[in-house]
């Protein structure tokens, strides 16, 4: 049972790869395979990618909760969990961008990626100098906001795949909500990135 948290984290990595490949294939980015997909097969891939993303996002909560509940916190899990989070976010963003059709997503998505890679670099530099950057409560909320916003954007991008009504009176408010949530997640993401940057600067300079 104590291996369950790490199994869930590993599952998140596998699902993330599937989400990206499914969306990229549906968008026509995979040579030969994409060319022979029927419209229904494309829609099926989009639906499977969406639900796989939702399941992967749920595991983000349960692996940490189970690790504490089962007293199974491990070094391997501590390494895998943040990697799983970042890979899930980055994979979903790349898949979403591959689908196209949502120019409003490009800027916030790019800023999210910029922050994730920057903080990863800061952690790597800090670790080499014995500096630890603790995960703040806002950073935990950041991950929840990111995953929720990306799920909303994936739903909007896959609107036709789910057979949802194409009426502007329904689709437009949902789209605006998804974009607003994406920007909220981006703002919180940048704030936490600035916090980590300041923590690292103070630790290195001593001021």
N, C-alpha and C. Protein backbone atom coordinates (compact mmCIF):
# COMPACT_ATOMS: atom_id res chain seq x y z
N UNK A 1 0.82 -1.22 0.00
CA UNK A 1 0.00 0.00 0.00
C UNK A 1 0.85 1.26 0.00
N UNK A 2 2.02 1.20 0.63
CA UNK A 2 2.85 2.40 0.73
C UNK A 2 3.42 2.81 -0.63
N UNK A 3 3.38 1.90 -1.58
CA UNK A 3 3.87 2.24 -2.93
C UNK A 3 2.80 2.95 -3.75
N UNK A 4 1.55 2.99 -3.25
CA UNK A 4 0.44 3.55 -4.02
C UNK A 4 0.66 5.02 -4.40
N UNK A 5 1.13 5.89 -3.50
CA UNK A 5 1.35 7.29 -3.90
C UNK A 5 2.30 7.43 -5.08
N UNK A 6 3.39 6.67 -5.07
CA UNK A 6 4.35 6.75 -6.19
C UNK A 6 3.76 6.16 -7.46
N UNK A 7 2.90 5.15 -7.32
CA UNK A 7 2.23 4.57 -8.49
C UNK A 7 1.32 5.62 -9.13
N UNK A 8 0.58 6.37 -8.29
CA UNK A 8 -0.31 7.41 -8.81
C UNK A 8 0.49 8.51 -9.50
N UNK A 9 1.63 8.87 -8.91
CA UNK A 9 2.47 9.91 -9.53
C UNK A 9 3.00 9.43 -10.87
N UNK A 10 3.42 8.17 -10.93
CA UNK A 10 3.91 7.60 -12.20
C UNK A 10 2.78 7.55 -13.23
N UNK A 11 1.57 7.22 -12.76
CA UNK A 11 0.41 7.19 -13.65
C UNK A 11 0.17 8.58 -14.24
N UNK A 12 0.37 9.61 -13.42
CA UNK A 12 0.18 10.98 -13.91
C UNK A 12 1.14 11.28 -15.06
N UNK A 13 2.37 10.81 -14.96
CA UNK A 13 3.34 11.03 -16.03
C UNK A 13 2.92 10.31 -17.31
N UNK A 14 2.43 9.08 -17.16
CA UNK A 14 2.00 8.30 -18.32
C UNK A 14 0.79 8.97 -18.98
N UNK A 15 -0.18 9.39 -18.16
CA UNK A 15 -1.37 10.04 -18.69
C UNK A 15 -1.02 11.36 -19.38
N UNK A 16 -0.04 12.06 -18.83
CA UNK A 16 0.37 13.32 -19.44
C UNK A 16 0.91 13.10 -20.85
N UNK A 17 1.72 12.06 -21.00
CA UNK A 17 2.26 11.73 -22.32
C UNK A 17 1.12 11.40 -23.28
N UNK A 18 0.14 10.65 -22.79
CA UNK A 18 -1.01 10.31 -23.64
C UNK A 18 -1.79 11.56 -24.04
N UNK A 19 -2.03 12.46 -23.07
CA UNK A 19 -2.77 13.69 -23.36
C UNK A 19 -2.10 14.47 -24.48
N UNK A 20 -0.80 14.64 -24.36
CA UNK A 20 -0.08 15.41 -25.38
C UNK A 20 -0.12 14.72 -26.74
N UNK A 21 0.16 13.41 -26.76
CA UNK A 21 0.18 12.69 -28.03
C UNK A 21 -1.21 12.64 -28.67
N UNK A 22 -2.25 12.46 -27.84
CA UNK A 22 -3.61 12.40 -28.37
C UNK A 22 -4.01 13.73 -28.99
N UNK A 23 -3.72 14.83 -28.29
CA UNK A 23 -4.08 16.15 -28.81
C UNK A 23 -3.27 16.50 -30.06
N UNK A 24 -1.97 16.15 -30.02
CA UNK A 24 -1.12 16.43 -31.18
C UNK A 24 -1.57 15.62 -32.39
N UNK A 25 -1.96 14.38 -32.16
CA UNK A 25 -2.43 13.53 -33.25
C UNK A 25 -3.74 14.06 -33.82
N UNK A 26 -4.66 14.42 -32.93
CA UNK A 26 -5.95 14.96 -33.37
C UNK A 26 -5.78 16.27 -34.13
N UNK A 27 -4.73 17.02 -33.79
CA UNK A 27 -4.50 18.31 -34.44
C UNK A 27 -3.77 18.17 -35.77
N UNK A 28 -3.36 16.93 -36.11
CA UNK A 28 -2.69 16.71 -37.39
C UNK A 28 -1.18 16.82 -37.33
N UNK A 29 -0.60 16.74 -36.11
CA UNK A 29 0.83 16.95 -35.96
C UNK A 29 1.66 15.67 -36.05
N UNK A 30 1.01 14.52 -36.08
CA UNK A 30 1.75 13.25 -36.14
C UNK A 30 1.72 12.72 -37.57
N UNK A 31 2.88 12.65 -38.22
CA UNK A 31 2.93 12.20 -39.62
C UNK A 31 2.26 10.83 -39.81
N UNK A 32 1.63 10.66 -40.91
CA UNK A 32 0.95 9.45 -41.36
C UNK A 32 -0.29 9.14 -40.51
N UNK A 33 -0.13 9.05 -39.19
CA UNK A 33 -1.25 8.68 -38.33
C UNK A 33 -2.36 9.73 -38.42
N UNK A 34 -1.99 10.99 -38.27
CA UNK A 34 -2.99 12.06 -38.31
C UNK A 34 -3.68 12.15 -39.66
N UNK A 35 -2.92 11.82 -40.70
CA UNK A 35 -3.48 11.93 -42.05
C UNK A 35 -4.60 10.93 -42.31
N UNK A 36 -4.62 9.84 -41.57
CA UNK A 36 -5.60 8.78 -41.80
C UNK A 36 -6.71 8.76 -40.75
N UNK A 37 -6.77 9.80 -39.93
CA UNK A 37 -7.82 9.86 -38.92
C UNK A 37 -9.12 10.38 -39.51
N UNK A 38 -10.21 9.76 -39.14
CA UNK A 38 -11.52 10.28 -39.53
C UNK A 38 -11.89 11.39 -38.54
N UNK A 39 -12.83 12.26 -38.90
CA UNK A 39 -13.27 13.31 -37.96
C UNK A 39 -13.74 12.73 -36.63
N UNK A 40 -14.43 11.59 -36.67
CA UNK A 40 -14.91 10.99 -35.44
C UNK A 40 -13.75 10.49 -34.59
N UNK A 41 -12.71 9.96 -35.24
CA UNK A 41 -11.53 9.50 -34.51
C UNK A 41 -10.81 10.69 -33.85
N UNK A 42 -10.77 11.82 -34.56
CA UNK A 42 -10.17 13.02 -33.98
C UNK A 42 -10.95 13.47 -32.75
N UNK A 43 -12.27 13.46 -32.87
CA UNK A 43 -13.10 13.84 -31.72
C UNK A 43 -12.90 12.87 -30.56
N UNK A 44 -12.77 11.59 -30.86
CA UNK A 44 -12.57 10.59 -29.81
C UNK A 44 -11.25 10.85 -29.07
N UNK A 45 -10.20 11.16 -29.82
CA UNK A 45 -8.91 11.45 -29.20
C UNK A 45 -9.00 12.67 -28.29
N UNK A 46 -9.73 13.68 -28.75
CA UNK A 46 -9.90 14.89 -27.93
C UNK A 46 -10.64 14.58 -26.64
N UNK A 47 -11.68 13.75 -26.75
CA UNK A 47 -12.42 13.38 -25.54
C UNK A 47 -11.56 12.56 -24.59
N UNK A 48 -10.84 11.59 -25.11
CA UNK A 48 -9.97 10.76 -24.27
C UNK A 48 -8.87 11.61 -23.62
N UNK A 49 -8.35 12.56 -24.38
CA UNK A 49 -7.30 13.44 -23.84
C UNK A 49 -7.85 14.28 -22.69
N UNK A 50 -9.06 14.80 -22.86
CA UNK A 50 -9.66 15.62 -21.81
C UNK A 50 -9.85 14.82 -20.53
N UNK A 51 -10.46 13.65 -20.64
CA UNK A 51 -10.72 12.85 -19.44
C UNK A 51 -9.43 12.32 -18.82
N UNK A 52 -8.45 12.03 -19.65
CA UNK A 52 -7.15 11.60 -19.12
C UNK A 52 -6.49 12.72 -18.33
N UNK A 53 -6.65 13.94 -18.84
CA UNK A 53 -6.10 15.10 -18.13
C UNK A 53 -6.80 15.28 -16.78
N UNK A 54 -8.11 15.14 -16.77
CA UNK A 54 -8.86 15.28 -15.52
C UNK A 54 -8.41 14.23 -14.50
N UNK A 55 -8.26 12.98 -14.94
CA UNK A 55 -7.81 11.92 -14.04
C UNK A 55 -6.41 12.21 -13.52
N UNK A 56 -5.53 12.65 -14.43
CA UNK A 56 -4.16 12.98 -14.02
C UNK A 56 -4.15 14.11 -13.00
N UNK A 57 -5.01 15.11 -13.21
CA UNK A 57 -5.08 16.24 -12.28
C UNK A 57 -5.57 15.79 -10.91
N UNK A 58 -6.52 14.85 -10.88
CA UNK A 58 -7.04 14.34 -9.60
C UNK A 58 -5.95 13.59 -8.85
N UNK A 59 -5.11 12.85 -9.57
CA UNK A 59 -4.03 12.12 -8.89
C UNK A 59 -3.06 13.07 -8.21
N UNK A 60 -2.99 14.31 -8.70
CA UNK A 60 -2.10 15.29 -8.10
C UNK A 60 -2.48 15.55 -6.64
N UNK A 61 -3.77 15.47 -6.35
CA UNK A 61 -4.22 15.64 -4.97
C UNK A 61 -4.03 14.36 -4.16
N UNK A 62 -4.43 13.25 -4.74
CA UNK A 62 -4.48 12.01 -3.97
C UNK A 62 -3.11 11.41 -3.67
N UNK A 63 -2.12 11.60 -4.54
CA UNK A 63 -0.82 10.99 -4.24
C UNK A 63 -0.19 11.61 -3.00
N UNK A 64 -0.27 12.95 -2.90
CA UNK A 64 0.27 13.61 -1.71
C UNK A 64 -0.53 13.29 -0.46
N UNK A 65 -1.85 13.26 -0.59
CA UNK A 65 -2.73 12.95 0.54
C UNK A 65 -2.49 11.53 1.04
N UNK A 66 -2.38 10.59 0.11
CA UNK A 66 -2.14 9.20 0.50
C UNK A 66 -0.76 9.01 1.12
N UNK A 67 0.22 9.74 0.60
CA UNK A 67 1.58 9.63 1.14
C UNK A 67 1.60 10.03 2.61
N UNK A 68 0.86 11.09 2.93
CA UNK A 68 0.80 11.52 4.34
C UNK A 68 -0.07 10.57 5.16
N UNK A 69 -1.17 10.11 4.58
CA UNK A 69 -2.11 9.23 5.28
C UNK A 69 -1.47 7.89 5.61
N UNK A 70 -0.71 7.36 4.66
CA UNK A 70 -0.09 6.04 4.83
C UNK A 70 1.32 6.13 5.42
N UNK A 71 1.73 7.36 5.74
CA UNK A 71 3.09 7.58 6.24
C UNK A 71 4.10 7.00 5.25
N UNK A 72 3.86 7.33 3.98
CA UNK A 72 4.70 6.78 2.91
C UNK A 72 5.45 7.86 2.16
N UNK A 73 5.72 8.98 2.84
CA UNK A 73 6.49 10.05 2.22
C UNK A 73 7.90 9.55 1.96
N UNK A 74 8.35 9.68 0.71
CA UNK A 74 9.68 9.18 0.35
C UNK A 74 10.44 10.21 -0.46
N UNK A 75 11.75 10.02 -0.55
CA UNK A 75 12.58 10.92 -1.35
C UNK A 75 12.19 10.82 -2.82
N UNK A 76 11.95 9.58 -3.28
CA UNK A 76 11.56 9.38 -4.67
C UNK A 76 10.24 10.09 -4.98
N UNK A 77 9.29 9.99 -4.07
CA UNK A 77 8.02 10.67 -4.26
C UNK A 77 8.18 12.17 -4.25
N UNK A 78 9.04 12.67 -3.36
CA UNK A 78 9.27 14.11 -3.28
C UNK A 78 9.90 14.65 -4.56
N UNK A 79 10.67 13.80 -5.25
CA UNK A 79 11.28 14.19 -6.52
C UNK A 79 10.26 14.10 -7.66
N UNK A 80 9.52 12.99 -7.68
CA UNK A 80 8.59 12.74 -8.77
C UNK A 80 7.40 13.68 -8.78
N UNK A 81 6.87 14.02 -7.60
CA UNK A 81 5.62 14.79 -7.52
C UNK A 81 5.71 16.15 -8.22
N UNK A 82 6.71 16.99 -7.89
CA UNK A 82 6.78 18.28 -8.59
C UNK A 82 7.08 18.13 -10.08
N UNK A 83 7.84 17.08 -10.43
CA UNK A 83 8.10 16.83 -11.85
C UNK A 83 6.79 16.49 -12.56
N UNK A 84 5.99 15.62 -11.90
CA UNK A 84 4.70 15.24 -12.47
C UNK A 84 3.79 16.43 -12.68
N UNK A 85 3.79 17.36 -11.71
CA UNK A 85 2.96 18.57 -11.83
C UNK A 85 3.37 19.40 -13.04
N UNK A 86 4.67 19.66 -13.14
CA UNK A 86 5.16 20.53 -14.22
C UNK A 86 4.98 19.87 -15.59
N UNK A 87 5.24 18.57 -15.67
CA UNK A 87 5.09 17.86 -16.93
C UNK A 87 3.62 17.87 -17.37
N UNK A 88 2.70 17.70 -16.40
CA UNK A 88 1.27 17.71 -16.72
C UNK A 88 0.84 19.06 -17.26
N UNK A 89 1.26 20.12 -16.60
CA UNK A 89 0.91 21.47 -17.04
C UNK A 89 1.52 21.77 -18.41
N UNK A 90 2.80 21.48 -18.57
CA UNK A 90 3.48 21.77 -19.83
C UNK A 90 2.92 20.91 -20.97
N UNK A 91 2.66 19.64 -20.69
CA UNK A 91 2.11 18.75 -21.72
C UNK A 91 0.74 19.21 -22.18
N UNK A 92 -0.11 19.62 -21.24
CA UNK A 92 -1.45 20.09 -21.59
C UNK A 92 -1.37 21.39 -22.39
N UNK A 93 -0.47 22.28 -22.01
CA UNK A 93 -0.31 23.55 -22.73
C UNK A 93 0.14 23.30 -24.16
N UNK A 94 1.13 22.43 -24.34
CA UNK A 94 1.63 22.15 -25.69
C UNK A 94 0.56 21.48 -26.54
N UNK A 95 -0.20 20.57 -25.93
CA UNK A 95 -1.28 19.92 -26.66
C UNK A 95 -2.37 20.91 -27.04
N UNK A 96 -2.68 21.81 -26.10
CA UNK A 96 -3.69 22.83 -26.35
C UNK A 96 -3.27 23.77 -27.48
N UNK A 97 -2.00 24.17 -27.46
CA UNK A 97 -1.50 25.05 -28.51
C UNK A 97 -1.47 24.34 -29.86
N UNK A 98 -1.20 23.03 -29.84
CA UNK A 98 -1.18 22.27 -31.09
C UNK A 98 -2.55 22.25 -31.74
N UNK A 99 -3.61 22.29 -30.92
CA UNK A 99 -4.98 22.27 -31.46
C UNK A 99 -5.33 23.58 -32.15
N UNK A 100 -4.69 24.68 -31.73
CA UNK A 100 -4.93 25.97 -32.35
C UNK A 100 -6.35 26.48 -32.09
N UNK A 101 -6.70 27.55 -32.76
CA UNK A 101 -8.06 28.08 -32.68
C UNK A 101 -8.34 28.95 -31.47
N UNK A 102 -7.38 29.07 -30.56
CA UNK A 102 -7.59 29.89 -29.36
C UNK A 102 -6.38 30.82 -29.17
N UNK A 103 -6.26 31.87 -29.99
CA UNK A 103 -5.12 32.79 -29.87
C UNK A 103 -5.01 33.43 -28.49
N UNK A 104 -6.15 33.58 -27.79
CA UNK A 104 -6.14 34.23 -26.48
C UNK A 104 -5.39 33.40 -25.44
N UNK A 105 -5.13 32.13 -25.76
CA UNK A 105 -4.45 31.24 -24.81
C UNK A 105 -2.93 31.35 -24.92
N UNK A 106 -2.45 31.82 -26.08
CA UNK A 106 -1.02 31.78 -26.36
C UNK A 106 -0.20 32.56 -25.33
N UNK A 107 -0.57 33.81 -25.04
CA UNK A 107 0.21 34.63 -24.11
C UNK A 107 0.23 34.07 -22.69
N UNK A 108 -0.93 33.80 -22.07
CA UNK A 108 -0.88 33.24 -20.71
C UNK A 108 -0.18 31.88 -20.67
N UNK A 109 -0.37 31.07 -21.69
CA UNK A 109 0.29 29.77 -21.73
C UNK A 109 1.81 29.93 -21.79
N UNK A 110 2.26 30.87 -22.62
CA UNK A 110 3.69 31.13 -22.72
C UNK A 110 4.28 31.63 -21.42
N UNK A 111 3.55 32.50 -20.72
CA UNK A 111 4.02 33.02 -19.43
C UNK A 111 4.10 31.90 -18.39
N UNK A 112 3.12 30.99 -18.43
CA UNK A 112 3.17 29.84 -17.51
C UNK A 112 4.41 29.00 -17.75
N UNK A 113 4.68 28.71 -19.02
CA UNK A 113 5.85 27.89 -19.35
C UNK A 113 7.13 28.60 -18.93
N UNK A 114 7.20 29.91 -19.17
CA UNK A 114 8.37 30.69 -18.79
C UNK A 114 8.62 30.58 -17.29
N UNK A 115 7.55 30.70 -16.50
CA UNK A 115 7.69 30.62 -15.05
C UNK A 115 8.14 29.24 -14.61
N UNK A 116 7.54 28.18 -15.18
CA UNK A 116 7.86 26.82 -14.76
C UNK A 116 9.32 26.50 -15.01
N UNK A 117 9.82 26.86 -16.18
CA UNK A 117 11.22 26.57 -16.49
C UNK A 117 12.17 27.43 -15.65
N UNK A 118 11.77 28.68 -15.39
CA UNK A 118 12.61 29.56 -14.58
C UNK A 118 12.73 29.04 -13.15
N UNK A 119 11.61 28.66 -12.53
CA UNK A 119 11.63 28.15 -11.16
C UNK A 119 12.39 26.84 -11.09
N UNK A 120 12.26 25.99 -12.11
CA UNK A 120 13.01 24.73 -12.13
C UNK A 120 14.51 25.01 -12.15
N UNK A 121 14.90 26.02 -12.94
CA UNK A 121 16.32 26.40 -12.99
C UNK A 121 16.78 26.95 -11.65
N UNK A 122 15.94 27.77 -11.00
CA UNK A 122 16.29 28.31 -9.69
C UNK A 122 16.47 27.19 -8.66
N UNK A 123 15.57 26.21 -8.70
CA UNK A 123 15.68 25.09 -7.77
C UNK A 123 16.97 24.30 -8.00
N UNK A 124 17.31 24.13 -9.27
CA UNK A 124 18.53 23.37 -9.58
C UNK A 124 19.78 24.11 -9.11
N UNK A 125 19.81 25.41 -9.37
CA UNK A 125 20.95 26.23 -8.92
C UNK A 125 21.01 26.25 -7.39
N UNK A 126 19.84 26.45 -6.76
CA UNK A 126 19.79 26.49 -5.31
C UNK A 126 20.21 25.18 -4.68
N UNK A 127 19.77 24.07 -5.26
CA UNK A 127 20.11 22.75 -4.71
C UNK A 127 21.63 22.53 -4.74
N UNK A 128 22.29 23.04 -5.79
CA UNK A 128 23.73 22.90 -5.89
C UNK A 128 24.48 23.68 -4.82
N UNK A 129 23.80 24.68 -4.25
CA UNK A 129 24.41 25.49 -3.20
C UNK A 129 23.79 25.23 -1.83
N UNK A 130 23.02 24.16 -1.76
CA UNK A 130 22.41 23.79 -0.47
C UNK A 130 21.23 24.64 -0.08
N UNK A 131 20.60 25.30 -1.06
CA UNK A 131 19.45 26.17 -0.79
C UNK A 131 18.17 25.42 -1.13
N UNK A 132 17.26 25.38 -0.18
CA UNK A 132 15.97 24.73 -0.41
C UNK A 132 14.88 25.80 -0.55
N UNK A 133 14.03 25.62 -1.55
CA UNK A 133 12.91 26.54 -1.75
C UNK A 133 11.63 25.82 -1.35
N UNK A 134 11.12 26.09 -0.16
CA UNK A 134 9.91 25.40 0.30
C UNK A 134 8.69 25.80 -0.54
N UNK A 135 7.80 24.85 -0.73
CA UNK A 135 6.57 25.10 -1.48
C UNK A 135 5.61 25.89 -0.62
N UNK A 136 5.20 27.05 -1.08
CA UNK A 136 4.29 27.90 -0.32
C UNK A 136 2.84 27.48 -0.55
N UNK A 137 1.96 27.95 0.32
CA UNK A 137 0.54 27.65 0.15
C UNK A 137 0.00 28.24 -1.14
N UNK A 138 0.48 29.45 -1.49
CA UNK A 138 0.03 30.07 -2.74
C UNK A 138 0.48 29.24 -3.94
N UNK A 139 1.67 28.64 -3.85
CA UNK A 139 2.16 27.79 -4.94
C UNK A 139 1.28 26.56 -5.11
N UNK A 140 0.77 26.03 -4.00
CA UNK A 140 -0.14 24.88 -4.09
C UNK A 140 -1.44 25.28 -4.76
N UNK A 141 -1.94 26.47 -4.41
CA UNK A 141 -3.15 26.96 -5.06
C UNK A 141 -2.89 27.26 -6.53
N UNK A 142 -1.67 27.67 -6.81
CA UNK A 142 -1.28 27.94 -8.20
C UNK A 142 -1.47 26.71 -9.06
N UNK A 143 -1.01 25.57 -8.56
CA UNK A 143 -1.14 24.32 -9.32
C UNK A 143 -2.60 23.97 -9.54
N UNK A 144 -3.43 24.13 -8.50
CA UNK A 144 -4.86 23.84 -8.63
C UNK A 144 -5.51 24.75 -9.66
N UNK A 145 -5.16 26.03 -9.62
CA UNK A 145 -5.71 26.98 -10.58
C UNK A 145 -5.27 26.65 -12.01
N UNK A 146 -4.00 26.30 -12.16
CA UNK A 146 -3.49 25.95 -13.49
C UNK A 146 -4.25 24.77 -14.07
N UNK A 147 -4.40 23.72 -13.28
CA UNK A 147 -5.05 22.50 -13.77
C UNK A 147 -6.52 22.75 -14.09
N UNK A 148 -7.19 23.55 -13.23
CA UNK A 148 -8.60 23.86 -13.48
C UNK A 148 -8.75 24.70 -14.75
N UNK A 149 -7.89 25.70 -14.90
CA UNK A 149 -7.94 26.57 -16.09
C UNK A 149 -7.66 25.78 -17.36
N UNK A 150 -6.68 24.90 -17.31
CA UNK A 150 -6.33 24.12 -18.49
C UNK A 150 -7.45 23.14 -18.85
N UNK A 151 -8.10 22.58 -17.84
CA UNK A 151 -9.23 21.70 -18.10
C UNK A 151 -10.35 22.47 -18.80
N UNK A 152 -10.60 23.70 -18.34
CA UNK A 152 -11.63 24.53 -18.96
C UNK A 152 -11.26 24.87 -20.41
N UNK A 153 -9.99 25.18 -20.63
CA UNK A 153 -9.55 25.52 -21.99
C UNK A 153 -9.61 24.30 -22.91
N UNK A 154 -9.28 23.14 -22.39
CA UNK A 154 -9.36 21.91 -23.19
C UNK A 154 -10.81 21.60 -23.56
N UNK A 155 -11.71 21.88 -22.62
CA UNK A 155 -13.13 21.67 -22.91
C UNK A 155 -13.60 22.60 -24.03
N UNK A 156 -13.20 23.85 -23.95
CA UNK A 156 -13.58 24.82 -24.98
C UNK A 156 -12.99 24.42 -26.34
N UNK A 157 -11.71 24.01 -26.32
CA UNK A 157 -11.05 23.62 -27.57
C UNK A 157 -11.66 22.35 -28.17
N UNK A 158 -12.26 21.51 -27.30
CA UNK A 158 -12.87 20.25 -27.75
C UNK A 158 -14.39 20.35 -27.77
N UNK A 159 -14.90 21.53 -27.90
CA UNK A 159 -16.34 21.78 -27.81
C UNK A 159 -17.14 20.86 -28.75
N UNK A 160 -16.71 20.81 -29.99
CA UNK A 160 -17.41 19.98 -30.96
C UNK A 160 -17.29 18.50 -30.67
N UNK A 161 -16.16 18.09 -30.09
CA UNK A 161 -15.94 16.67 -29.80
C UNK A 161 -16.94 16.14 -28.78
N UNK A 162 -17.41 17.02 -27.90
CA UNK A 162 -18.36 16.61 -26.87
C UNK A 162 -19.81 16.82 -27.32
N UNK A 163 -19.99 17.29 -28.55
CA UNK A 163 -21.33 17.49 -29.06
C UNK A 163 -22.08 18.60 -28.35
N UNK A 164 -21.35 19.56 -27.80
CA UNK A 164 -21.98 20.67 -27.09
C UNK A 164 -22.60 21.65 -28.09
N UNK A 165 -23.68 22.32 -27.71
CA UNK A 165 -24.37 23.23 -28.64
C UNK A 165 -23.46 24.37 -29.09
N UNK A 166 -23.42 24.64 -30.39
CA UNK A 166 -22.53 25.68 -30.92
C UNK A 166 -23.10 27.09 -30.82
N UNK A 167 -24.22 27.25 -30.14
CA UNK A 167 -24.82 28.58 -30.03
C UNK A 167 -23.89 29.55 -29.30
N UNK A 168 -23.64 30.72 -29.88
CA UNK A 168 -22.77 31.71 -29.24
C UNK A 168 -23.23 32.09 -27.83
N UNK A 169 -24.54 32.08 -27.59
CA UNK A 169 -25.08 32.45 -26.28
C UNK A 169 -24.62 31.49 -25.19
N UNK A 170 -24.23 30.29 -25.57
CA UNK A 170 -23.75 29.29 -24.60
C UNK A 170 -22.23 29.19 -24.65
N UNK A 171 -21.70 29.07 -25.86
CA UNK A 171 -20.26 28.84 -26.00
C UNK A 171 -19.43 30.06 -25.59
N UNK A 172 -19.89 31.25 -25.92
CA UNK A 172 -19.10 32.46 -25.63
C UNK A 172 -18.89 32.67 -24.13
N UNK A 173 -19.92 32.59 -23.28
CA UNK A 173 -19.69 32.77 -21.84
C UNK A 173 -18.73 31.73 -21.26
N UNK A 174 -18.84 30.49 -21.72
CA UNK A 174 -17.94 29.44 -21.24
C UNK A 174 -16.50 29.74 -21.67
N UNK A 175 -16.35 30.21 -22.91
CA UNK A 175 -15.02 30.56 -23.41
C UNK A 175 -14.41 31.71 -22.63
N UNK A 176 -15.20 32.74 -22.37
CA UNK A 176 -14.72 33.88 -21.59
C UNK A 176 -14.34 33.47 -20.17
N UNK A 177 -15.14 32.57 -19.59
CA UNK A 177 -14.84 32.07 -18.25
C UNK A 177 -13.51 31.31 -18.26
N UNK A 178 -13.30 30.47 -19.27
CA UNK A 178 -12.06 29.70 -19.37
C UNK A 178 -10.86 30.62 -19.54
N UNK A 179 -10.99 31.63 -20.40
CA UNK A 179 -9.89 32.58 -20.61
C UNK A 179 -9.60 33.37 -19.34
N UNK A 180 -10.67 33.80 -18.65
CA UNK A 180 -10.48 34.54 -17.40
C UNK A 180 -9.78 33.71 -16.35
N UNK A 181 -10.18 32.43 -16.26
CA UNK A 181 -9.55 31.52 -15.30
C UNK A 181 -8.08 31.29 -15.66
N UNK A 182 -7.81 31.23 -16.97
CA UNK A 182 -6.44 31.04 -17.44
C UNK A 182 -5.56 32.22 -17.05
N UNK A 183 -6.10 33.42 -17.18
CA UNK A 183 -5.32 34.60 -16.81
C UNK A 183 -5.14 34.70 -15.30
N UNK A 184 -6.17 34.32 -14.53
CA UNK A 184 -6.03 34.32 -13.08
C UNK A 184 -4.93 33.36 -12.66
N UNK A 185 -4.93 32.16 -13.26
CA UNK A 185 -3.89 31.18 -12.96
C UNK A 185 -2.52 31.70 -13.35
N UNK A 186 -2.46 32.43 -14.47
CA UNK A 186 -1.18 32.98 -14.93
C UNK A 186 -0.65 34.03 -13.97
N UNK A 187 -1.53 34.91 -13.49
CA UNK A 187 -1.12 35.95 -12.55
C UNK A 187 -0.57 35.33 -11.26
N UNK A 188 -1.30 34.35 -10.72
CA UNK A 188 -0.83 33.67 -9.50
C UNK A 188 0.48 32.94 -9.78
N UNK A 189 0.59 32.36 -10.97
CA UNK A 189 1.82 31.66 -11.36
C UNK A 189 3.01 32.61 -11.36
N UNK A 190 2.82 33.79 -11.93
CA UNK A 190 3.91 34.78 -11.99
C UNK A 190 4.26 35.31 -10.60
N UNK A 191 3.26 35.49 -9.76
CA UNK A 191 3.52 35.96 -8.39
C UNK A 191 4.37 34.95 -7.63
N UNK A 192 4.00 33.67 -7.72
CA UNK A 192 4.79 32.65 -7.02
C UNK A 192 6.20 32.55 -7.61
N UNK A 193 6.31 32.76 -8.92
CA UNK A 193 7.63 32.75 -9.54
C UNK A 193 8.50 33.87 -9.01
N UNK A 194 7.89 35.05 -8.83
CA UNK A 194 8.62 36.19 -8.28
C UNK A 194 9.03 35.92 -6.82
N UNK A 195 8.16 35.24 -6.08
CA UNK A 195 8.48 34.90 -4.70
C UNK A 195 9.68 33.95 -4.63
N UNK A 196 9.68 32.94 -5.48
CA UNK A 196 10.81 32.01 -5.49
C UNK A 196 12.11 32.70 -5.93
N UNK A 197 11.97 33.61 -6.88
CA UNK A 197 13.14 34.36 -7.34
C UNK A 197 13.73 35.18 -6.19
N UNK A 198 12.87 35.85 -5.43
CA UNK A 198 13.33 36.67 -4.31
C UNK A 198 13.93 35.80 -3.22
N UNK A 199 13.33 34.65 -2.94
CA UNK A 199 13.89 33.75 -1.93
C UNK A 199 15.29 33.30 -2.33
N UNK A 200 15.46 32.96 -3.60
CA UNK A 200 16.76 32.51 -4.07
C UNK A 200 17.78 33.64 -4.03
N UNK A 201 17.36 34.83 -4.44
CA UNK A 201 18.28 35.98 -4.44
C UNK A 201 18.77 36.28 -3.02
N UNK A 202 17.84 36.28 -2.06
CA UNK A 202 18.21 36.56 -0.67
C UNK A 202 19.15 35.47 -0.12
N UNK A 203 18.86 34.22 -0.48
CA UNK A 203 19.69 33.12 0.01
C UNK A 203 21.11 33.18 -0.56
N UNK A 204 21.22 33.60 -1.82
CA UNK A 204 22.52 33.65 -2.47
C UNK A 204 23.33 34.87 -2.07
N UNK A 205 22.62 36.00 -1.99
CA UNK A 205 23.32 37.25 -1.66
C UNK A 205 23.38 37.50 -0.17
N UNK A 206 22.40 36.96 0.54
CA UNK A 206 22.39 37.13 2.00
C UNK A 206 21.78 38.43 2.43
N UNK A 207 20.89 38.99 1.59
CA UNK A 207 20.23 40.26 1.93
C UNK A 207 18.74 40.12 1.73
